[in-house]
Amino acid sequence: MMSFSLLVRKLLLDNKRYISKETLKEYCKKLGISYINAIKYLSKYKYIKRIVRGFFYVP
């Protein structure tokens, strides 16, 4: 759970409104968490919204 918190913090500190699949995968790899689980967590708690396949909006 701590890794997901770090991922959320990283997304907020980047101060970008859009993030690509590749960038998100890179962050997950550095934190040692599954990309699929990260997407599920971030979507469930409304940290990201899928725009099109491979791109996400960070509200």
PDB file of N, CA and C in Angstrom:
ATOM      1  N   MET A   1       0.820  -1.193   0.000  1.00  0.00           N
ATOM      2  CA  MET A   1       0.000   0.000   0.000  1.00  0.00           C
ATOM      3  C   MET A   1       0.866   1.259   0.000  1.00  0.00           C
ATOM      4  N   MET A   2       2.010   1.202   0.631  1.00  0.00           N
ATOM      5  CA  MET A   2       2.901   2.358   0.690  1.00  0.00           C
ATOM      6  C   MET A   2       3.403   2.722  -0.705  1.00  0.00           C
ATOM      7  N   SER A   3       3.646   1.717  -1.537  1.00  0.00           N
ATOM      8  CA  SER A   3       4.128   1.980  -2.895  1.00  0.00           C
ATOM      9  C   SER A   3       3.094   2.750  -3.702  1.00  0.00           C
ATOM     10  N   PHE A   4       1.818   2.427  -3.499  1.00  0.00           N
ATOM     11  CA  PHE A   4       0.762   3.154  -4.204  1.00  0.00           C
ATOM     12  C   PHE A   4       0.728   4.608  -3.747  1.00  0.00           C
ATOM     13  N   SER A   5       0.965   4.837  -2.482  1.00  0.00           N
ATOM     14  CA  SER A   5       1.012   6.208  -1.966  1.00  0.00           C
ATOM     15  C   SER A   5       2.159   6.986  -2.601  1.00  0.00           C
ATOM     16  N   LEU A   6       3.290   6.329  -2.764  1.00  0.00           N
ATOM     17  CA  LEU A   6       4.432   6.968  -3.412  1.00  0.00           C
ATOM     18  C   LEU A   6       4.132   7.272  -4.881  1.00  0.00           C
ATOM     19  N   LEU A   7       3.423   6.363  -5.536  1.00  0.00           N
ATOM     20  CA  LEU A   7       3.048   6.574  -6.934  1.00  0.00           C
ATOM     21  C   LEU A   7       2.109   7.770  -7.068  1.00  0.00           C
ATOM     22  N   VAL A   8       1.134   7.862  -6.184  1.00  0.00           N
ATOM     23  CA  VAL A   8       0.205   8.996  -6.193  1.00  0.00           C
ATOM     24  C   VAL A   8       0.958  10.299  -5.953  1.00  0.00           C
ATOM     25  N   ARG A   9       1.855  10.294  -5.001  1.00  0.00           N
ATOM     26  CA  ARG A   9       2.649  11.492  -4.703  1.00  0.00           C
ATOM     27  C   ARG A   9       3.483  11.905  -5.913  1.00  0.00           C
ATOM     28  N   LYS A  10       4.082  10.927  -6.591  1.00  0.00           N
ATOM     29  CA  LYS A  10       4.881  11.203  -7.785  1.00  0.00           C
ATOM     30  C   LYS A  10       4.025  11.839  -8.878  1.00  0.00           C
ATOM     31  N   LEU A  11       2.822  11.318  -9.073  1.00  0.00           N
ATOM     32  CA  LEU A  11       1.926  11.875 -10.090  1.00  0.00           C
ATOM     33  C   LEU A  11       1.557  13.319  -9.763  1.00  0.00           C
ATOM     34  N   LEU A  12       1.307  13.587  -8.499  1.00  0.00           N
ATOM     35  CA  LEU A  12       0.928  14.943  -8.098  1.00  0.00           C
ATOM     36  C   LEU A  12       2.113  15.910  -8.170  1.00  0.00           C
ATOM     37  N   LEU A  13       3.307  15.441  -7.828  1.00  0.00           N
ATOM     38  CA  LEU A  13       4.488  16.300  -7.862  1.00  0.00           C
ATOM     39  C   LEU A  13       4.934  16.624  -9.289  1.00  0.00           C
ATOM     40  N   ASP A  14       4.648  15.728 -10.223  1.00  0.00           N
ATOM     41  CA  ASP A  14       4.998  15.984 -11.622  1.00  0.00           C
ATOM     42  C   ASP A  14       4.224  17.173 -12.180  1.00  0.00           C
ATOM     43  N   ASN A  15       3.057  17.434 -11.599  1.00  0.00           N
ATOM     44  CA  ASN A  15       2.228  18.577 -11.988  1.00  0.00           C
ATOM     45  C   ASN A  15       1.884  18.546 -13.478  1.00  0.00           C
ATOM     46  N   LYS A  16       1.664  17.347 -14.003  1.00  0.00           N
ATOM     47  CA  LYS A  16       1.225  17.167 -15.386  1.00  0.00           C
ATOM     48  C   LYS A  16      -0.227  16.724 -15.374  1.00  0.00           C
ATOM     49  N   ARG A  17      -0.973  17.159 -16.357  1.00  0.00           N
ATOM     50  CA  ARG A  17      -2.376  16.794 -16.437  1.00  0.00           C
ATOM     51  C   ARG A  17      -2.604  15.488 -17.178  1.00  0.00           C
ATOM     52  N   TYR A  18      -1.636  15.099 -17.999  1.00  0.00           N
ATOM     53  CA  TYR A  18      -1.772  13.877 -18.785  1.00  0.00           C
ATOM     54  C   TYR A  18      -0.529  13.032 -18.603  1.00  0.00           C
ATOM     55  N   ILE A  19      -0.733  11.716 -18.592  1.00  0.00           N
ATOM     56  CA  ILE A  19       0.394  10.797 -18.438  1.00  0.00           C
ATOM     57  C   ILE A  19       0.203   9.637 -19.400  1.00  0.00           C
ATOM     58  N   SER A  20       1.294   9.188 -19.970  1.00  0.00           N
ATOM     59  CA  SER A  20       1.223   8.079 -20.918  1.00  0.00           C
ATOM     60  C   SER A  20       1.400   6.742 -20.197  1.00  0.00           C
ATOM     61  N   LYS A  21       1.010   5.721 -20.894  1.00  0.00           N
ATOM     62  CA  LYS A  21       1.135   4.359 -20.385  1.00  0.00           C
ATOM     63  C   LYS A  21       2.599   4.023 -20.101  1.00  0.00           C
ATOM     64  N   GLU A  22       3.482   4.447 -20.994  1.00  0.00           N
ATOM     65  CA  GLU A  22       4.904   4.140 -20.852  1.00  0.00           C
ATOM     66  C   GLU A  22       5.503   4.797 -19.607  1.00  0.00           C
ATOM     67  N   THR A  23       5.124   6.045 -19.372  1.00  0.00           N
ATOM     68  CA  THR A  23       5.619   6.756 -18.192  1.00  0.00           C
ATOM     69  C   THR A  23       5.126   6.094 -16.916  1.00  0.00           C
ATOM     70  N   LEU A  24       3.856   5.730 -16.909  1.00  0.00           N
ATOM     71  CA  LEU A  24       3.285   5.074 -15.741  1.00  0.00           C
ATOM     72  C   LEU A  24       3.942   3.723 -15.490  1.00  0.00           C
ATOM     73  N   LYS A  25       4.228   2.991 -16.552  1.00  0.00           N
ATOM     74  CA  LYS A  25       4.921   1.700 -16.408  1.00  0.00           C
ATOM     75  C   LYS A  25       6.317   1.901 -15.835  1.00  0.00           C
ATOM     76  N   GLU A  26       6.986   2.957 -16.257  1.00  0.00           N
ATOM     77  CA  GLU A  26       8.327   3.268 -15.748  1.00  0.00           C
ATOM     78  C   GLU A  26       8.284   3.546 -14.243  1.00  0.00           C
ATOM     79  N   TYR A  27       7.308   4.340 -13.808  1.00  0.00           N
ATOM     80  CA  TYR A  27       7.155   4.626 -12.378  1.00  0.00           C
ATOM     81  C   TYR A  27       6.894   3.347 -11.591  1.00  0.00           C
ATOM     82  N   CYS A  28       6.027   2.488 -12.127  1.00  0.00           N
ATOM     83  CA  CYS A  28       5.695   1.232 -11.448  1.00  0.00           C
ATOM     84  C   CYS A  28       6.920   0.333 -11.324  1.00  0.00           C
ATOM     85  N   LYS A  29       7.713   0.301 -12.371  1.00  0.00           N
ATOM     86  CA  LYS A  29       8.922  -0.536 -12.354  1.00  0.00           C
ATOM     87  C   LYS A  29       9.890  -0.054 -11.278  1.00  0.00           C
ATOM     88  N   LYS A  30      10.064   1.272 -11.185  1.00  0.00           N
ATOM     89  CA  LYS A  30      10.966   1.830 -10.174  1.00  0.00           C
ATOM     90  C   LYS A  30      10.493   1.529  -8.760  1.00  0.00           C
ATOM     91  N   LEU A  31       9.156   1.507  -8.562  1.00  0.00           N
ATOM     92  CA  LEU A  31       8.601   1.264  -7.230  1.00  0.00           C
ATOM     93  C   LEU A  31       8.376  -0.219  -6.944  1.00  0.00           C
ATOM     94  N   GLY A  32       8.532  -1.060  -7.965  1.00  0.00           N
ATOM     95  CA  GLY A  32       8.373  -2.497  -7.777  1.00  0.00           C
ATOM     96  C   GLY A  32       6.933  -2.939  -7.604  1.00  0.00           C
ATOM     97  N   ILE A  33       6.019  -2.261  -8.304  1.00  0.00           N
ATOM     98  CA  ILE A  33       4.611  -2.652  -8.221  1.00  0.00           C
ATOM     99  C   ILE A  33       4.096  -3.013  -9.609  1.00  0.00           C
ATOM    100  N   SER A  34       3.036  -3.773  -9.629  1.00  0.00           N
ATOM    101  CA  SER A  34       2.429  -4.217 -10.877  1.00  0.00           C
ATOM    102  C   SER A  34       1.701  -3.052 -11.559  1.00  0.00           C
ATOM    103  N   TYR A  35       1.919  -2.921 -12.856  1.00  0.00           N
ATOM    104  CA  TYR A  35       1.262  -1.865 -13.626  1.00  0.00           C
ATOM    105  C   TYR A  35      -0.259  -2.016 -13.584  1.00  0.00           C
ATOM    106  N   ILE A  36      -0.735  -3.232 -13.766  1.00  0.00           N
ATOM    107  CA  ILE A  36      -2.178  -3.500 -13.775  1.00  0.00           C
ATOM    108  C   ILE A  36      -2.805  -3.146 -12.426  1.00  0.00           C
ATOM    109  N   ASN A  37      -2.161  -3.558 -11.335  1.00  0.00           N
ATOM    110  CA  ASN A  37      -2.680  -3.231 -10.005  1.00  0.00           C
ATOM    111  C   ASN A  37      -2.653  -1.727  -9.751  1.00  0.00           C
ATOM    112  N   ALA A  38      -1.636  -1.062 -10.274  1.00  0.00           N
ATOM    113  CA  ALA A  38      -1.544   0.392 -10.106  1.00  0.00           C
ATOM    114  C   ALA A  38      -2.697   1.081 -10.832  1.00  0.00           C
ATOM    115  N   ILE A  39      -2.990   0.645 -12.052  1.00  0.00           N
ATOM    116  CA  ILE A  39      -4.094   1.219 -12.821  1.00  0.00           C
ATOM    117  C   ILE A  39      -5.414   1.014 -12.077  1.00  0.00           C
ATOM    118  N   LYS A  40      -5.614  -0.179 -11.561  1.00  0.00           N
ATOM    119  CA  LYS A  40      -6.853  -0.477 -10.817  1.00  0.00           C
ATOM    120  C   LYS A  40      -6.970   0.418  -9.579  1.00  0.00           C
ATOM    121  N   TYR A  41      -5.891   0.553  -8.840  1.00  0.00           N
ATOM    122  CA  TYR A  41      -5.897   1.374  -7.627  1.00  0.00           C
ATOM    123  C   TYR A  41      -6.143   2.844  -7.955  1.00  0.00           C
ATOM    124  N   LEU A  42      -5.384   3.366  -8.908  1.00  0.00           N
ATOM    125  CA  LEU A  42      -5.500   4.781  -9.257  1.00  0.00           C
ATOM    126  C   LEU A  42      -6.883   5.113  -9.823  1.00  0.00           C
ATOM    127  N   SER A  43      -7.448   4.203 -10.592  1.00  0.00           N
ATOM    128  CA  SER A  43      -8.794   4.420 -11.146  1.00  0.00           C
ATOM    129  C   SER A  43      -9.862   4.332 -10.063  1.00  0.00           C
ATOM    130  N   LYS A  44      -9.718   3.350  -9.204  1.00  0.00           N
ATOM    131  CA  LYS A  44     -10.710   3.142  -8.138  1.00  0.00           C
ATOM    132  C   LYS A  44     -10.833   4.365  -7.240  1.00  0.00           C
ATOM    133  N   TYR A  45      -9.704   4.962  -6.888  1.00  0.00           N
ATOM    134  CA  TYR A  45      -9.717   6.114  -5.986  1.00  0.00           C
ATOM    135  C   TYR A  45      -9.664   7.453  -6.719  1.00  0.00           C
ATOM    136  N   LYS A  46      -9.942   7.412  -8.033  1.00  0.00           N
ATOM    137  CA  LYS A  46     -10.098   8.623  -8.855  1.00  0.00           C
ATOM    138  C   LYS A  46      -8.841   9.489  -8.955  1.00  0.00           C
ATOM    139  N   TYR A  47      -7.664   8.868  -8.923  1.00  0.00           N
ATOM    140  CA  TYR A  47      -6.425   9.611  -9.112  1.00  0.00           C
ATOM    141  C   TYR A  47      -6.114   9.800 -10.590  1.00  0.00           C
ATOM    142  N   ILE A  48      -6.653   8.900 -11.431  1.00  0.00           N
ATOM    143  CA  ILE A  48      -6.510   9.032 -12.877  1.00  0.00           C
ATOM    144  C   ILE A  48      -7.821   8.670 -13.550  1.00  0.00           C
ATOM    145  N   LYS A  49      -7.986   9.147 -14.773  1.00  0.00           N
ATOM    146  CA  LYS A  49      -9.119   8.773 -15.615  1.00  0.00           C
ATOM    147  C   LYS A  49      -8.555   8.413 -16.979  1.00  0.00           C
ATOM    148  N   ARG A  50      -9.031   7.302 -17.499  1.00  0.00           N
ATOM    149  CA  ARG A  50      -8.561   6.855 -18.816  1.00  0.00           C
ATOM    150  C   ARG A  50      -9.218   7.720 -19.888  1.00  0.00           C
ATOM    151  N   ILE A  51      -8.408   8.283 -20.765  1.00  0.00           N
ATOM    152  CA  ILE A  51      -8.923   9.098 -21.860  1.00  0.00           C
ATOM    153  C   ILE A  51      -9.077   8.217 -23.091  1.00  0.00           C
ATOM    154  N   VAL A  52      -7.969   7.754 -23.582  1.00  0.00           N
ATOM    155  CA  VAL A  52      -7.931   6.789 -24.682  1.00  0.00           C
ATOM    156  C   VAL A  52      -6.920   5.730 -24.282  1.00  0.00           C
ATOM    157  N   ARG A  53      -6.883   4.699 -25.043  1.00  0.00           N
ATOM    158  CA  ARG A  53      -5.964   3.607 -24.714  1.00  0.00           C
ATOM    159  C   ARG A  53      -4.530   4.121 -24.676  1.00  0.00           C
ATOM    160  N   GLY A  54      -3.916   4.036 -23.506  1.00  0.00           N
ATOM    161  CA  GLY A  54      -2.519   4.425 -23.363  1.00  0.00           C
ATOM    162  C   GLY A  54      -2.292   5.809 -22.801  1.00  0.00           C
ATOM    163  N   PHE A  55      -3.365   6.595 -22.617  1.00  0.00           N
ATOM    164  CA  PHE A  55      -3.226   7.935 -22.044  1.00  0.00           C
ATOM    165  C   PHE A  55      -4.231   8.137 -20.926  1.00  0.00           C
ATOM    166  N   PHE A  56      -3.773   8.819 -19.882  1.00  0.00           N
ATOM    167  CA  PHE A  56      -4.605   9.034 -18.707  1.00  0.00           C
ATOM    168  C   PHE A  56      -4.614  10.510 -18.324  1.00  0.00           C
ATOM    169  N   TYR A  57      -5.724  10.938 -17.758  1.00  0.00           N
ATOM    170  CA  TYR A  57      -5.874  12.296 -17.256  1.00  0.00           C
ATOM    171  C   TYR A  57      -5.681  12.257 -15.743  1.00  0.00           C
ATOM    172  N   VAL A  58      -4.877  13.163 -15.235  1.00  0.00           N
ATOM    173  CA  VAL A  58      -4.640  13.273 -13.782  1.00  0.00           C
ATOM    174  C   VAL A  58      -5.393  14.508 -13.294  1.00  0.00           C
ATOM    175  N   PRO A  59      -6.567  14.302 -12.664  1.00  0.00           N
ATOM    176  CA  PRO A  59      -7.380  15.473 -12.225  1.00  0.00           C
ATOM    177  C   PRO A  59      -6.731  16.270 -11.115  1.00  0.00           C
TER     178      PRO A  59
END
